[in-house]
Amino acid sequence: MITSNLPVLMAKHGVRTLAEVVRQTGLSRTTLTTVYYSRGKGIQFDTMDALCEMFGVGVGELLVYTKEETSEEIYRNDTHRC
């Protein structure tokens, strides 16, 4: 699963509201809300570019990949804990 690291970046840079990100990037509030909560099915390159520029980070710091466990993996891991 790929998720947004926007909340973490905002906290690290002392940015308290999405409204501040809107002002600094020119991106829409709707777009930023979708990115902030990792709700969308994708993200536009220009959105990534604006956010990476604002926070001085690369794409790998803006977006985070974590492997999702399948039901079988969860079951297997739980049975080995006993």
N, C-alpha and C. Protein backbone atom coordinates (compact mmCIF):
# COMPACT_ATOMS: atom_id res chain seq x y z
N MET A 1 0.85 -1.16 0.00
CA MET A 1 0.00 0.00 0.00
C MET A 1 0.90 1.24 0.00
N ILE A 2 0.53 2.20 -0.78
CA ILE A 2 1.25 3.47 -0.82
C ILE A 2 0.41 4.52 -0.10
N THR A 3 1.03 5.19 0.85
CA THR A 3 0.34 6.23 1.61
C THR A 3 1.14 7.53 1.57
N SER A 4 0.45 8.58 1.89
CA SER A 4 1.05 9.91 1.90
C SER A 4 1.72 10.18 3.24
N ASN A 5 2.86 10.83 3.16
CA ASN A 5 3.59 11.24 4.35
C ASN A 5 3.37 12.74 4.61
N LEU A 6 2.36 13.31 3.97
CA LEU A 6 2.11 14.75 4.08
C LEU A 6 1.89 15.21 5.52
N PRO A 7 1.11 14.49 6.34
CA PRO A 7 0.94 14.95 7.72
C PRO A 7 2.27 15.04 8.48
N VAL A 8 3.15 14.09 8.26
CA VAL A 8 4.45 14.08 8.92
C VAL A 8 5.31 15.25 8.44
N LEU A 9 5.32 15.47 7.13
CA LEU A 9 6.10 16.57 6.57
C LEU A 9 5.60 17.91 7.08
N MET A 10 4.29 18.06 7.15
CA MET A 10 3.73 19.31 7.67
C MET A 10 4.17 19.54 9.10
N ALA A 11 4.11 18.50 9.93
CA ALA A 11 4.51 18.63 11.33
C ALA A 11 6.00 18.98 11.45
N LYS A 12 6.83 18.31 10.68
CA LYS A 12 8.28 18.57 10.72
C LYS A 12 8.63 19.99 10.33
N HIS A 13 7.84 20.55 9.41
CA HIS A 13 8.12 21.90 8.90
C HIS A 13 7.29 22.98 9.58
N GLY A 14 6.55 22.61 10.61
CA GLY A 14 5.77 23.58 11.35
C GLY A 14 4.59 24.16 10.59
N VAL A 15 4.11 23.40 9.62
CA VAL A 15 2.95 23.83 8.84
C VAL A 15 1.71 23.26 9.53
N ARG A 16 0.87 24.14 10.04
CA ARG A 16 -0.25 23.68 10.89
C ARG A 16 -1.53 23.34 10.13
N THR A 17 -1.75 23.95 8.97
CA THR A 17 -3.02 23.74 8.27
C THR A 17 -2.82 23.46 6.79
N LEU A 18 -3.81 22.80 6.23
CA LEU A 18 -3.79 22.58 4.78
C LEU A 18 -3.95 23.91 4.05
N ALA A 19 -4.62 24.86 4.68
CA ALA A 19 -4.78 26.18 4.06
C ALA A 19 -3.42 26.82 3.77
N GLU A 20 -2.47 26.60 4.66
CA GLU A 20 -1.12 27.13 4.45
C GLU A 20 -0.45 26.45 3.26
N VAL A 21 -0.68 25.15 3.12
CA VAL A 21 -0.13 24.41 1.97
C VAL A 21 -0.78 24.90 0.69
N VAL A 22 -2.08 25.15 0.73
CA VAL A 22 -2.81 25.69 -0.43
C VAL A 22 -2.17 27.01 -0.86
N ARG A 23 -1.95 27.91 0.10
CA ARG A 23 -1.35 29.22 -0.21
C ARG A 23 0.04 29.10 -0.82
N GLN A 24 0.84 28.19 -0.28
CA GLN A 24 2.22 28.09 -0.74
C GLN A 24 2.39 27.32 -2.04
N THR A 25 1.46 26.42 -2.34
CA THR A 25 1.61 25.58 -3.53
C THR A 25 0.67 25.94 -4.67
N GLY A 26 -0.46 26.54 -4.34
CA GLY A 26 -1.47 26.81 -5.37
C GLY A 26 -2.34 25.61 -5.68
N LEU A 27 -2.14 24.52 -4.96
CA LEU A 27 -2.96 23.32 -5.16
C LEU A 27 -4.32 23.52 -4.49
N SER A 28 -5.32 22.80 -4.97
CA SER A 28 -6.66 22.95 -4.40
C SER A 28 -6.76 22.25 -3.06
N ARG A 29 -7.67 22.74 -2.24
CA ARG A 29 -7.93 22.15 -0.93
C ARG A 29 -8.40 20.70 -1.09
N THR A 30 -9.22 20.45 -2.10
CA THR A 30 -9.73 19.10 -2.35
C THR A 30 -8.59 18.15 -2.65
N THR A 31 -7.68 18.57 -3.51
CA THR A 31 -6.53 17.73 -3.87
C THR A 31 -5.68 17.44 -2.64
N LEU A 32 -5.40 18.48 -1.85
CA LEU A 32 -4.56 18.30 -0.68
C LEU A 32 -5.22 17.43 0.38
N THR A 33 -6.51 17.55 0.54
CA THR A 33 -7.24 16.70 1.51
C THR A 33 -7.13 15.24 1.09
N THR A 34 -7.29 14.98 -0.20
CA THR A 34 -7.18 13.62 -0.72
C THR A 34 -5.78 13.06 -0.47
N VAL A 35 -4.75 13.85 -0.72
CA VAL A 35 -3.38 13.41 -0.49
C VAL A 35 -3.13 13.23 1.01
N TYR A 36 -3.55 14.18 1.81
CA TYR A 36 -3.32 14.16 3.26
C TYR A 36 -3.84 12.87 3.89
N TYR A 37 -5.05 12.47 3.49
CA TYR A 37 -5.67 11.28 4.07
C TYR A 37 -5.45 10.01 3.25
N SER A 38 -4.61 10.08 2.22
CA SER A 38 -4.29 8.93 1.35
C SER A 38 -5.55 8.26 0.82
N ARG A 39 -6.50 9.07 0.36
CA ARG A 39 -7.79 8.54 -0.08
C ARG A 39 -7.86 8.26 -1.58
N GLY A 40 -7.05 8.91 -2.36
CA GLY A 40 -7.19 8.81 -3.80
C GLY A 40 -6.64 7.53 -4.38
N LYS A 41 -6.91 7.36 -5.65
CA LYS A 41 -6.39 6.20 -6.37
C LYS A 41 -5.09 6.55 -7.08
N GLY A 42 -4.72 7.81 -7.06
CA GLY A 42 -3.49 8.24 -7.71
C GLY A 42 -3.18 9.67 -7.33
N ILE A 43 -2.03 10.12 -7.78
CA ILE A 43 -1.61 11.49 -7.51
C ILE A 43 -0.94 12.03 -8.77
N GLN A 44 -1.29 13.23 -9.15
CA GLN A 44 -0.75 13.84 -10.36
C GLN A 44 0.72 14.22 -10.14
N PHE A 45 1.52 14.16 -11.20
CA PHE A 45 2.92 14.54 -11.12
C PHE A 45 3.08 15.99 -10.68
N ASP A 46 2.20 16.88 -11.17
CA ASP A 46 2.34 18.29 -10.78
C ASP A 46 2.04 18.49 -9.30
N THR A 47 1.16 17.66 -8.74
CA THR A 47 0.87 17.71 -7.30
C THR A 47 2.10 17.27 -6.51
N MET A 48 2.69 16.14 -6.92
CA MET A 48 3.90 15.66 -6.25
C MET A 48 5.02 16.68 -6.36
N ASP A 49 5.17 17.26 -7.52
CA ASP A 49 6.22 18.25 -7.75
C ASP A 49 6.07 19.44 -6.82
N ALA A 50 4.85 19.97 -6.71
CA ALA A 50 4.61 21.14 -5.86
C ALA A 50 4.88 20.83 -4.39
N LEU A 51 4.46 19.66 -3.94
CA LEU A 51 4.67 19.28 -2.54
C LEU A 51 6.14 18.99 -2.24
N CYS A 52 6.81 18.30 -3.16
CA CYS A 52 8.24 18.04 -2.98
C CYS A 52 9.02 19.35 -2.96
N GLU A 53 8.66 20.28 -3.81
CA GLU A 53 9.31 21.59 -3.84
C GLU A 53 9.08 22.35 -2.54
N MET A 54 7.86 22.36 -2.07
CA MET A 54 7.54 23.10 -0.85
C MET A 54 8.32 22.58 0.36
N PHE A 55 8.39 21.25 0.48
CA PHE A 55 9.02 20.66 1.66
C PHE A 55 10.49 20.30 1.45
N GLY A 56 10.98 20.47 0.24
CA GLY A 56 12.38 20.18 -0.04
C GLY A 56 12.72 18.70 0.10
N VAL A 57 11.82 17.85 -0.37
CA VAL A 57 12.00 16.40 -0.26
C VAL A 57 11.85 15.74 -1.63
N GLY A 58 12.21 14.48 -1.69
CA GLY A 58 11.98 13.68 -2.89
C GLY A 58 10.67 12.93 -2.78
N VAL A 59 10.29 12.30 -3.86
CA VAL A 59 9.03 11.56 -3.91
C VAL A 59 9.01 10.45 -2.85
N GLY A 60 10.16 9.82 -2.61
CA GLY A 60 10.25 8.75 -1.62
C GLY A 60 10.01 9.20 -0.19
N GLU A 61 10.11 10.49 0.04
CA GLU A 61 9.80 11.02 1.37
C GLU A 61 8.36 11.51 1.45
N LEU A 62 7.77 11.80 0.31
CA LEU A 62 6.38 12.24 0.25
C LEU A 62 5.42 11.05 0.30
N LEU A 63 5.78 9.99 -0.40
CA LEU A 63 4.96 8.79 -0.47
C LEU A 63 5.71 7.63 0.17
N VAL A 64 4.99 6.79 0.92
CA VAL A 64 5.60 5.69 1.64
C VAL A 64 4.93 4.38 1.23
N TYR A 65 5.74 3.37 0.90
CA TYR A 65 5.22 2.05 0.55
C TYR A 65 5.36 1.11 1.74
N THR A 66 4.27 0.44 2.09
CA THR A 66 4.31 -0.62 3.09
C THR A 66 3.59 -1.83 2.52
N LYS A 67 4.18 -2.98 2.72
CA LYS A 67 3.60 -4.22 2.19
C LYS A 67 2.38 -4.60 3.01
N GLU A 68 1.30 -4.91 2.34
CA GLU A 68 0.10 -5.37 3.02
C GLU A 68 0.18 -6.88 3.17
N GLU A 69 -0.12 -7.36 4.35
CA GLU A 69 -0.14 -8.80 4.57
C GLU A 69 -1.45 -9.38 4.05
N THR A 70 -1.35 -10.54 3.41
CA THR A 70 -2.55 -11.24 2.98
C THR A 70 -3.15 -11.96 4.19
N SER A 71 -4.37 -12.41 4.08
CA SER A 71 -5.03 -13.15 5.16
C SER A 71 -4.21 -14.38 5.54
N GLU A 72 -3.64 -15.04 4.53
CA GLU A 72 -2.84 -16.23 4.79
C GLU A 72 -1.57 -15.89 5.59
N GLU A 73 -0.92 -14.78 5.26
CA GLU A 73 0.27 -14.36 5.99
C GLU A 73 -0.05 -13.99 7.43
N ILE A 74 -1.18 -13.33 7.64
CA ILE A 74 -1.61 -12.95 8.99
C ILE A 74 -1.86 -14.22 9.80
N TYR A 75 -2.56 -15.19 9.21
CA TYR A 75 -2.85 -16.45 9.91
C TYR A 75 -1.56 -17.17 10.25
N ARG A 76 -0.64 -17.26 9.27
CA ARG A 76 0.63 -17.96 9.47
C ARG A 76 1.43 -17.30 10.58
N ASN A 77 1.48 -15.99 10.61
CA ASN A 77 2.23 -15.26 11.64
C ASN A 77 1.60 -15.44 13.01
N ASP A 78 0.28 -15.47 13.08
CA ASP A 78 -0.40 -15.66 14.35
C ASP A 78 -0.18 -17.06 14.93
N THR A 79 -0.14 -18.09 14.07
CA THR A 79 0.01 -19.46 14.56
C THR A 79 1.42 -19.71 15.07
N HIS A 80 2.42 -18.97 14.59
CA HIS A 80 3.80 -19.13 15.03
C HIS A 80 4.09 -18.40 16.34
N ARG A 81 3.18 -17.55 16.79
CA ARG A 81 3.40 -16.78 18.02
C ARG A 81 3.08 -17.57 19.28
N CYS A 82 2.37 -18.68 19.14
CA CYS A 82 1.95 -19.46 20.33
C CYS A 82 3.08 -20.20 20.98
